N, C-alpha and C. Protein backbone atom coordinates (compact mmCIF):
# COMPACT_ATOMS: atom_id res chain seq x y z
N MET A 1 18.47 9.03 28.98
CA MET A 1 18.60 9.03 27.25
C MET A 1 19.91 9.50 27.10
N LYS A 2 20.52 9.14 25.81
CA LYS A 2 21.65 10.06 25.41
C LYS A 2 21.50 11.36 24.13
N VAL A 3 22.15 12.23 24.23
CA VAL A 3 21.85 13.14 23.12
C VAL A 3 23.09 13.50 22.25
N ILE A 4 23.04 14.33 21.43
CA ILE A 4 24.18 15.24 20.45
C ILE A 4 23.92 16.28 20.03
N ALA A 5 24.74 17.32 19.99
CA ALA A 5 23.91 18.83 19.55
C ALA A 5 23.96 18.37 17.98
N ALA A 6 23.15 19.47 17.71
CA ALA A 6 22.99 20.03 16.08
C ALA A 6 24.31 19.93 15.71
N LYS A 7 24.20 19.08 14.26
CA LYS A 7 25.58 20.25 13.64
C LYS A 7 26.07 21.49 13.75
N GLY A 8 27.20 21.52 14.15
CA GLY A 8 27.76 23.10 14.31
C GLY A 8 27.35 23.50 15.68
N LEU A 9 26.60 23.31 16.43
CA LEU A 9 26.51 23.52 17.48
C LEU A 9 26.97 23.15 19.10
N GLN A 10 27.43 23.77 20.27
CA GLN A 10 27.70 23.34 21.35
C GLN A 10 26.27 24.19 22.28
N VAL A 11 25.92 22.91 23.07
CA VAL A 11 24.47 23.25 23.71
C VAL A 11 24.89 23.48 25.32
N PRO A 12 24.50 24.32 25.57
CA PRO A 12 25.52 24.70 27.43
C PRO A 12 24.69 23.05 28.18
N LYS A 13 25.59 22.27 29.44
CA LYS A 13 25.04 21.49 29.92
C LYS A 13 23.39 21.73 30.97
N GLU A 14 22.72 21.28 31.51
CA GLU A 14 21.85 22.01 32.81
C GLU A 14 22.62 22.49 33.97
N GLU A 15 22.76 23.12 34.18
CA GLU A 15 23.27 23.81 35.69
C GLU A 15 24.46 23.56 35.89
N GLN A 16 25.29 23.39 34.16
CA GLN A 16 27.08 23.53 33.64
C GLN A 16 26.74 24.30 33.03
N PRO A 17 26.97 25.91 32.86
CA PRO A 17 26.70 26.12 32.03
C PRO A 17 28.26 26.18 31.06
N ARG A 18 29.32 26.26 31.24
CA ARG A 18 30.67 26.54 30.90
C ARG A 18 31.64 25.06 30.40
N GLU A 19 30.46 24.10 30.27
CA GLU A 19 30.68 22.56 29.68
C GLU A 19 29.32 22.39 29.08
N TYR A 20 29.90 21.92 27.74
CA TYR A 20 29.07 21.62 26.92
C TYR A 20 28.79 20.42 25.52
N ILE A 21 27.94 20.34 25.46
CA ILE A 21 27.23 19.07 24.51
C ILE A 21 27.70 19.84 23.50
N THR A 22 28.23 18.53 22.11
CA THR A 22 28.73 18.94 20.90
C THR A 22 28.44 17.96 20.08
N ASP A 23 28.59 18.03 19.11
CA ASP A 23 28.13 17.30 17.84
C ASP A 23 28.93 16.22 17.48
N GLN A 24 29.92 15.91 18.43
CA GLN A 24 30.80 15.17 18.04
C GLN A 24 30.49 13.56 19.07
N ALA A 25 30.29 13.69 20.13
CA ALA A 25 30.01 12.79 20.53
C ALA A 25 28.81 12.88 21.82
N ALA A 26 27.88 11.62 21.44
CA ALA A 26 26.49 11.13 22.69
C ALA A 26 26.42 11.66 23.56
N GLN A 27 26.30 12.00 24.89
CA GLN A 27 26.57 12.23 25.96
C GLN A 27 24.93 11.74 26.57
N ASP A 28 25.24 11.21 27.96
CA ASP A 28 24.00 10.86 28.72
C ASP A 28 23.41 11.64 29.49
N VAL A 29 21.95 12.02 29.50
CA VAL A 29 21.95 13.23 30.38
C VAL A 29 20.60 12.66 30.88
N GLN A 30 20.31 12.60 32.11
CA GLN A 30 18.64 13.03 32.31
C GLN A 30 17.36 13.47 31.69
N PRO A 31 16.13 12.89 31.20
CA PRO A 31 15.38 13.67 30.34
C PRO A 31 14.45 14.96 31.23
N SER A 32 15.27 16.01 31.31
CA SER A 32 14.87 16.58 32.35
C SER A 32 13.69 17.55 31.25
N ALA A 33 13.17 19.22 31.92
CA ALA A 33 12.12 19.55 31.01
C ALA A 33 13.38 20.53 30.01
N TYR A 34 14.43 20.98 30.53
CA TYR A 34 15.64 21.73 29.99
C TYR A 34 16.30 20.93 28.67
N TYR A 35 16.13 19.46 28.82
CA TYR A 35 16.78 18.73 27.80
C TYR A 35 15.51 18.50 26.56
N LEU A 36 14.36 18.14 27.51
CA LEU A 36 13.54 18.17 26.30
C LEU A 36 13.38 19.41 25.49
N ARG A 37 13.48 20.72 26.24
CA ARG A 37 13.37 21.72 25.85
C ARG A 37 14.11 22.01 23.97
N MET A 38 15.27 21.49 24.57
CA MET A 38 16.30 21.87 23.35
C MET A 38 16.21 20.88 22.38
N ILE A 39 15.38 19.71 22.59
CA ILE A 39 15.33 18.57 21.84
C ILE A 39 14.31 18.78 20.74
N ALA A 40 13.17 19.84 21.36
CA ALA A 40 12.12 19.88 20.90
C ALA A 40 12.77 21.91 19.76
N ASP A 41 13.70 22.07 20.49
CA ASP A 41 14.12 23.21 19.49
C ASP A 41 14.86 23.05 18.22
N GLY A 42 14.82 21.96 18.27
CA GLY A 42 16.14 21.17 17.16
C GLY A 42 17.81 21.27 17.58
N ASP A 43 17.89 21.54 18.40
CA ASP A 43 19.48 22.65 19.21
C ASP A 43 20.12 20.59 19.38
N LEU A 44 19.27 19.81 20.00
CA LEU A 44 19.86 18.19 20.42
C LEU A 44 18.71 17.34 19.74
N ARG A 45 19.37 16.37 19.34
CA ARG A 45 18.69 15.09 18.73
C ARG A 45 19.36 14.00 20.00
N ASP A 46 17.93 13.32 20.31
CA ASP A 46 17.76 12.15 21.23
C ASP A 46 18.50 10.65 20.57
N VAL A 47 19.48 10.27 20.14
CA VAL A 47 19.86 9.67 19.97
C VAL A 47 19.18 8.31 20.32
N THR A 48 18.77 8.03 21.39
CA THR A 48 17.97 7.41 22.00
C THR A 48 17.12 6.43 21.03
N ALA A 49 16.29 7.66 21.09
CA ALA A 49 15.36 7.47 20.43
C ALA A 49 15.03 7.19 18.96
N GLU A 50 16.05 7.93 17.81
CA GLU A 50 16.47 7.25 16.69
C GLU A 50 16.82 6.07 17.05
N GLN A 51 17.62 5.26 17.53
CA GLN A 51 18.05 4.09 17.49
C GLN A 51 16.82 3.36 17.85
N ALA A 52 15.86 3.89 18.71
CA ALA A 52 14.77 2.64 18.79
C ALA A 52 14.04 2.71 17.65
N LYS A 53 13.68 3.62 16.75
CA LYS A 53 13.01 3.96 15.09
C LYS A 53 13.42 3.28 14.55
N SER A 54 15.22 2.87 14.20
CA SER A 54 15.59 2.47 12.94
C SER A 54 14.98 0.48 13.04
N PRO A 55 14.63 0.35 12.08
CA PRO A 55 14.20 -0.90 11.90
C PRO A 55 16.10 -1.74 12.09
N ALA A 56 15.88 -2.98 13.09
CA ALA A 56 17.13 -4.17 13.58
C ALA A 56 17.25 -4.59 12.62
N LYS A 57 18.67 -4.68 12.41
CA LYS A 57 19.52 -5.36 11.23
C LYS A 57 19.28 -6.84 11.61
N THR A 58 19.17 -7.75 10.86
CA THR A 58 19.28 -9.15 11.27
C THR A 58 20.49 -9.64 10.49
N LYS A 59 21.42 -10.69 11.30
CA LYS A 59 22.44 -11.27 10.54
C LYS A 59 21.84 -12.21 9.53
N GLY A 60 22.90 -12.29 8.21
CA GLY A 60 22.87 -12.79 7.21
C GLY A 60 21.97 -12.45 6.12
N ALA A 61 21.19 -10.65 6.75
CA ALA A 61 20.44 -10.71 5.97
C ALA A 61 21.26 -10.09 4.38
N ALA A 62 20.66 -10.22 3.27
CA ALA A 62 21.04 -10.11 2.37
C ALA A 62 21.07 -8.09 1.77
C-alpha cells in the first residue's frame, strides 16, 4: 500500500527509525500493524485507499 504523512509530519519507518515518511511523496509499505496504527491515529494517510474511493474520471466527460 502507498502512504504519505499528514501535513507537517515526519513518521519514522518501521524498523528504520532514522528514515522518515514525509508529506512530500507517497511511499510503498507493507500493511503491518505499525503502519495501520499510524493510519488510524491520523499520522499517515493511505493513498491507495483514497484513490480507490475517488470516482473514476472518464474521457470525454464535460
